[in-house]
N, C-alpha and C. Protein backbone atom coordinates (compact mmCIF):
# COMPACT_ATOMS: atom_id res chain seq x y z
N UNK A 1 33.32 -240.76 -138.56
CA UNK A 1 34.47 -240.09 -139.11
C UNK A 1 34.80 -240.74 -140.46
N UNK A 2 35.13 -239.95 -141.44
CA UNK A 2 35.46 -240.46 -142.77
C UNK A 2 36.77 -241.22 -142.73
N UNK A 3 36.93 -242.16 -143.61
CA UNK A 3 38.13 -242.98 -143.66
C UNK A 3 39.37 -242.14 -143.97
N UNK A 4 39.19 -240.99 -144.59
CA UNK A 4 40.34 -240.17 -144.95
C UNK A 4 40.70 -239.15 -143.88
N UNK A 5 39.89 -239.01 -142.85
CA UNK A 5 40.22 -238.03 -141.82
C UNK A 5 41.21 -238.63 -140.83
N UNK A 6 42.10 -237.79 -140.34
CA UNK A 6 43.11 -238.24 -139.39
C UNK A 6 42.61 -238.10 -137.97
N UNK A 7 43.02 -239.01 -137.14
CA UNK A 7 42.70 -238.94 -135.72
C UNK A 7 43.55 -237.84 -135.10
N UNK A 8 42.94 -236.94 -134.36
CA UNK A 8 43.65 -235.85 -133.71
C UNK A 8 44.20 -236.37 -132.38
N UNK A 9 45.44 -236.84 -132.38
CA UNK A 9 46.02 -237.53 -131.24
C UNK A 9 46.74 -236.62 -130.26
N UNK A 10 46.95 -235.36 -130.59
CA UNK A 10 47.75 -234.50 -129.72
C UNK A 10 47.16 -234.34 -128.32
N UNK A 11 45.84 -234.32 -128.21
CA UNK A 11 45.24 -234.17 -126.88
C UNK A 11 45.50 -235.40 -126.01
N UNK A 12 45.72 -236.54 -126.63
CA UNK A 12 46.00 -237.75 -125.87
C UNK A 12 47.40 -237.76 -125.27
N UNK A 13 48.35 -237.09 -125.91
CA UNK A 13 49.71 -237.15 -125.39
C UNK A 13 50.10 -235.95 -124.55
N UNK A 14 49.24 -234.96 -124.46
CA UNK A 14 49.52 -233.82 -123.58
C UNK A 14 48.47 -233.69 -122.49
N UNK A 15 47.90 -234.81 -122.11
CA UNK A 15 46.92 -234.82 -121.03
C UNK A 15 47.45 -235.70 -119.90
N UNK A 16 46.69 -235.84 -118.83
CA UNK A 16 47.12 -236.66 -117.68
C UNK A 16 47.54 -238.05 -118.14
N UNK A 17 48.57 -238.64 -117.63
CA UNK A 17 49.34 -238.21 -116.47
C UNK A 17 50.51 -237.30 -116.83
N UNK A 18 50.66 -236.90 -118.08
CA UNK A 18 51.77 -236.05 -118.51
C UNK A 18 51.26 -234.77 -119.17
N UNK A 19 50.61 -233.91 -118.39
CA UNK A 19 50.03 -232.71 -119.00
C UNK A 19 51.11 -231.77 -119.54
N UNK A 20 50.75 -231.03 -120.54
CA UNK A 20 51.68 -230.07 -121.14
C UNK A 20 51.09 -229.50 -122.40
N UNK A 21 51.91 -228.79 -123.13
CA UNK A 21 51.43 -228.16 -124.36
C UNK A 21 52.25 -228.56 -125.58
N UNK A 22 53.16 -229.51 -125.42
CA UNK A 22 54.00 -229.93 -126.55
C UNK A 22 54.54 -231.32 -126.29
N UNK A 23 55.25 -231.86 -127.26
CA UNK A 23 55.81 -233.19 -127.14
C UNK A 23 57.07 -233.29 -127.98
N UNK A 24 57.87 -234.30 -127.70
CA UNK A 24 59.11 -234.54 -128.43
C UNK A 24 58.82 -235.33 -129.70
N UNK A 25 59.64 -235.06 -130.72
CA UNK A 25 59.59 -235.87 -131.93
C UNK A 25 61.02 -236.30 -132.25
N UNK A 26 61.16 -237.33 -133.05
CA UNK A 26 62.49 -237.83 -133.40
C UNK A 26 63.15 -236.91 -134.43
N UNK A 27 64.44 -237.11 -134.60
CA UNK A 27 65.21 -236.22 -135.49
C UNK A 27 64.72 -236.27 -136.93
N UNK A 28 64.40 -237.48 -137.43
CA UNK A 28 63.96 -237.55 -138.82
C UNK A 28 62.63 -236.84 -139.01
N UNK A 29 61.75 -236.92 -138.01
CA UNK A 29 60.46 -236.23 -138.12
C UNK A 29 60.67 -234.71 -138.07
N UNK A 30 61.62 -234.26 -137.25
CA UNK A 30 61.97 -232.84 -137.19
C UNK A 30 62.48 -232.36 -138.55
N UNK A 31 63.39 -233.13 -139.16
CA UNK A 31 63.93 -232.76 -140.48
C UNK A 31 62.83 -232.74 -141.53
N UNK A 32 61.95 -233.71 -141.49
CA UNK A 32 60.85 -233.79 -142.46
C UNK A 32 59.87 -232.62 -142.26
N UNK A 33 59.61 -232.27 -141.01
CA UNK A 33 58.72 -231.14 -140.71
C UNK A 33 59.30 -229.84 -141.26
N UNK A 34 60.60 -229.62 -141.07
CA UNK A 34 61.25 -228.41 -141.58
C UNK A 34 61.11 -228.34 -143.09
N UNK A 35 61.35 -229.45 -143.77
CA UNK A 35 61.22 -229.46 -145.23
C UNK A 35 59.79 -229.14 -145.66
N UNK A 36 58.84 -229.60 -144.89
CA UNK A 36 57.43 -229.43 -145.26
C UNK A 36 56.90 -228.02 -144.98
N UNK A 37 57.23 -227.46 -143.81
CA UNK A 37 56.63 -226.18 -143.42
C UNK A 37 57.63 -225.03 -143.29
N UNK A 38 58.91 -225.34 -143.36
CA UNK A 38 59.93 -224.30 -143.21
C UNK A 38 60.30 -224.08 -141.75
N UNK A 39 61.55 -223.78 -141.51
CA UNK A 39 62.05 -223.59 -140.15
C UNK A 39 61.28 -222.50 -139.41
N UNK A 40 60.92 -221.45 -140.10
CA UNK A 40 60.23 -220.34 -139.46
C UNK A 40 58.87 -220.73 -138.88
N UNK A 41 58.32 -221.84 -139.34
CA UNK A 41 57.01 -222.30 -138.86
C UNK A 41 57.10 -223.45 -137.87
N UNK A 42 58.31 -223.82 -137.48
CA UNK A 42 58.52 -224.91 -136.53
C UNK A 42 58.66 -224.31 -135.13
N UNK A 43 57.90 -224.84 -134.19
CA UNK A 43 57.99 -224.41 -132.79
C UNK A 43 58.98 -225.33 -132.09
N UNK A 44 59.98 -224.73 -131.47
CA UNK A 44 61.08 -225.50 -130.90
C UNK A 44 61.45 -224.94 -129.54
N UNK A 45 61.64 -225.82 -128.59
CA UNK A 45 62.11 -225.43 -127.26
C UNK A 45 63.59 -225.79 -127.17
N UNK A 46 64.43 -224.79 -127.34
CA UNK A 46 65.87 -225.03 -127.35
C UNK A 46 66.35 -225.68 -126.06
N UNK A 47 65.81 -225.26 -124.93
CA UNK A 47 66.25 -225.80 -123.65
C UNK A 47 65.77 -227.23 -123.41
N UNK A 48 64.91 -227.73 -124.26
CA UNK A 48 64.42 -229.11 -124.14
C UNK A 48 64.96 -230.01 -125.25
N UNK A 49 65.92 -229.48 -126.01
CA UNK A 49 66.47 -230.21 -127.15
C UNK A 49 67.92 -230.57 -126.87
N UNK A 50 68.30 -231.79 -127.18
CA UNK A 50 69.69 -232.21 -127.02
C UNK A 50 70.47 -231.73 -128.25
N UNK A 51 70.79 -230.44 -128.24
CA UNK A 51 71.44 -229.78 -129.38
C UNK A 51 72.74 -230.50 -129.76
N UNK A 52 73.57 -230.81 -128.78
CA UNK A 52 74.87 -231.46 -129.06
C UNK A 52 74.66 -232.77 -129.81
N UNK A 53 73.71 -233.56 -129.36
CA UNK A 53 73.47 -234.85 -130.00
C UNK A 53 72.98 -234.67 -131.43
N UNK A 54 72.01 -233.79 -131.63
CA UNK A 54 71.47 -233.60 -132.98
C UNK A 54 72.55 -233.09 -133.93
N UNK A 55 73.37 -232.15 -133.47
CA UNK A 55 74.43 -231.61 -134.33
C UNK A 55 75.49 -232.65 -134.68
N UNK A 56 75.65 -233.66 -133.84
CA UNK A 56 76.65 -234.70 -134.09
C UNK A 56 76.15 -235.76 -135.07
N UNK A 57 74.87 -235.73 -135.41
CA UNK A 57 74.28 -236.72 -136.32
C UNK A 57 74.13 -236.11 -137.71
N UNK A 58 74.25 -236.94 -138.73
CA UNK A 58 74.10 -236.45 -140.09
C UNK A 58 72.86 -236.99 -140.78
N UNK A 59 72.41 -238.17 -140.36
CA UNK A 59 71.21 -238.80 -140.93
C UNK A 59 70.44 -239.49 -139.81
N UNK A 60 69.14 -239.58 -139.98
CA UNK A 60 68.31 -240.34 -139.05
C UNK A 60 67.11 -240.85 -139.82
N UNK A 61 66.86 -242.13 -139.73
CA UNK A 61 65.73 -242.72 -140.42
C UNK A 61 65.75 -242.50 -141.92
N UNK A 62 66.95 -242.43 -142.49
CA UNK A 62 67.08 -242.22 -143.93
C UNK A 62 66.94 -240.78 -144.37
N UNK A 63 66.85 -239.85 -143.42
CA UNK A 63 66.69 -238.43 -143.74
C UNK A 63 67.95 -237.67 -143.38
N UNK A 64 68.37 -236.79 -144.26
CA UNK A 64 69.49 -235.90 -143.97
C UNK A 64 69.07 -234.91 -142.89
N UNK A 65 69.98 -234.60 -141.99
CA UNK A 65 69.69 -233.65 -140.92
C UNK A 65 70.29 -232.28 -141.19
N UNK A 66 70.76 -232.05 -142.42
CA UNK A 66 71.36 -230.75 -142.75
C UNK A 66 70.42 -229.59 -142.45
N UNK A 67 69.18 -229.69 -142.90
CA UNK A 67 68.22 -228.61 -142.66
C UNK A 67 67.88 -228.49 -141.17
N UNK A 68 67.90 -229.60 -140.46
CA UNK A 68 67.66 -229.55 -139.01
C UNK A 68 68.79 -228.79 -138.33
N UNK A 69 70.03 -229.03 -138.75
CA UNK A 69 71.17 -228.30 -138.19
C UNK A 69 71.03 -226.80 -138.46
N UNK A 70 70.69 -226.45 -139.68
CA UNK A 70 70.53 -225.04 -140.04
C UNK A 70 69.42 -224.39 -139.24
N UNK A 71 68.33 -225.11 -139.04
CA UNK A 71 67.20 -224.59 -138.27
C UNK A 71 67.59 -224.40 -136.81
N UNK A 72 68.31 -225.36 -136.24
CA UNK A 72 68.77 -225.22 -134.86
C UNK A 72 69.69 -224.00 -134.72
N UNK A 73 70.56 -223.80 -135.70
CA UNK A 73 71.46 -222.64 -135.68
C UNK A 73 70.67 -221.34 -135.70
N UNK A 74 69.58 -221.31 -136.45
CA UNK A 74 68.77 -220.10 -136.56
C UNK A 74 67.93 -219.86 -135.30
N UNK A 75 67.36 -220.92 -134.76
CA UNK A 75 66.43 -220.77 -133.63
C UNK A 75 67.09 -220.85 -132.26
N UNK A 76 68.24 -221.48 -132.19
CA UNK A 76 68.90 -221.71 -130.90
C UNK A 76 70.39 -221.33 -130.97
N UNK A 77 70.72 -220.11 -131.40
CA UNK A 77 72.14 -219.79 -131.63
C UNK A 77 73.03 -219.92 -130.39
N UNK A 78 72.52 -219.54 -129.23
CA UNK A 78 73.33 -219.64 -128.02
C UNK A 78 73.61 -221.10 -127.67
N UNK A 79 72.59 -221.94 -127.76
CA UNK A 79 72.76 -223.35 -127.44
C UNK A 79 73.67 -224.04 -128.45
N UNK A 80 73.57 -223.66 -129.72
CA UNK A 80 74.44 -224.23 -130.74
C UNK A 80 75.89 -223.82 -130.47
N UNK A 81 76.11 -222.56 -130.16
CA UNK A 81 77.46 -222.07 -129.86
C UNK A 81 78.05 -222.81 -128.67
N UNK A 82 77.25 -223.00 -127.63
CA UNK A 82 77.72 -223.71 -126.44
C UNK A 82 78.03 -225.17 -126.76
N UNK A 83 77.24 -225.77 -127.63
CA UNK A 83 77.43 -227.18 -127.97
C UNK A 83 78.70 -227.39 -128.79
N UNK A 84 79.13 -226.37 -129.49
CA UNK A 84 80.31 -226.50 -130.36
C UNK A 84 81.61 -226.14 -129.67
N UNK A 85 81.55 -225.79 -128.40
CA UNK A 85 82.78 -225.43 -127.68
C UNK A 85 83.54 -226.68 -127.30
């Protein structure tokens, strides 16, 4: 493998003993991903996200979470509404 190629690690974290098709990322990585690819290209499981906690935070790891909040509002409107009650 070339020194510049990245190791494809996703199969390692969604295999036994924790099989699945996705994984959690931290808030700053979520915010950075949105900036890089746009909210419309982010796959998100609203029912697996601590919406209340994320909405209560403004920064994580030196990254603003404003775009993360906007993306959650767009992709998870019912969960956001419930979290704000």
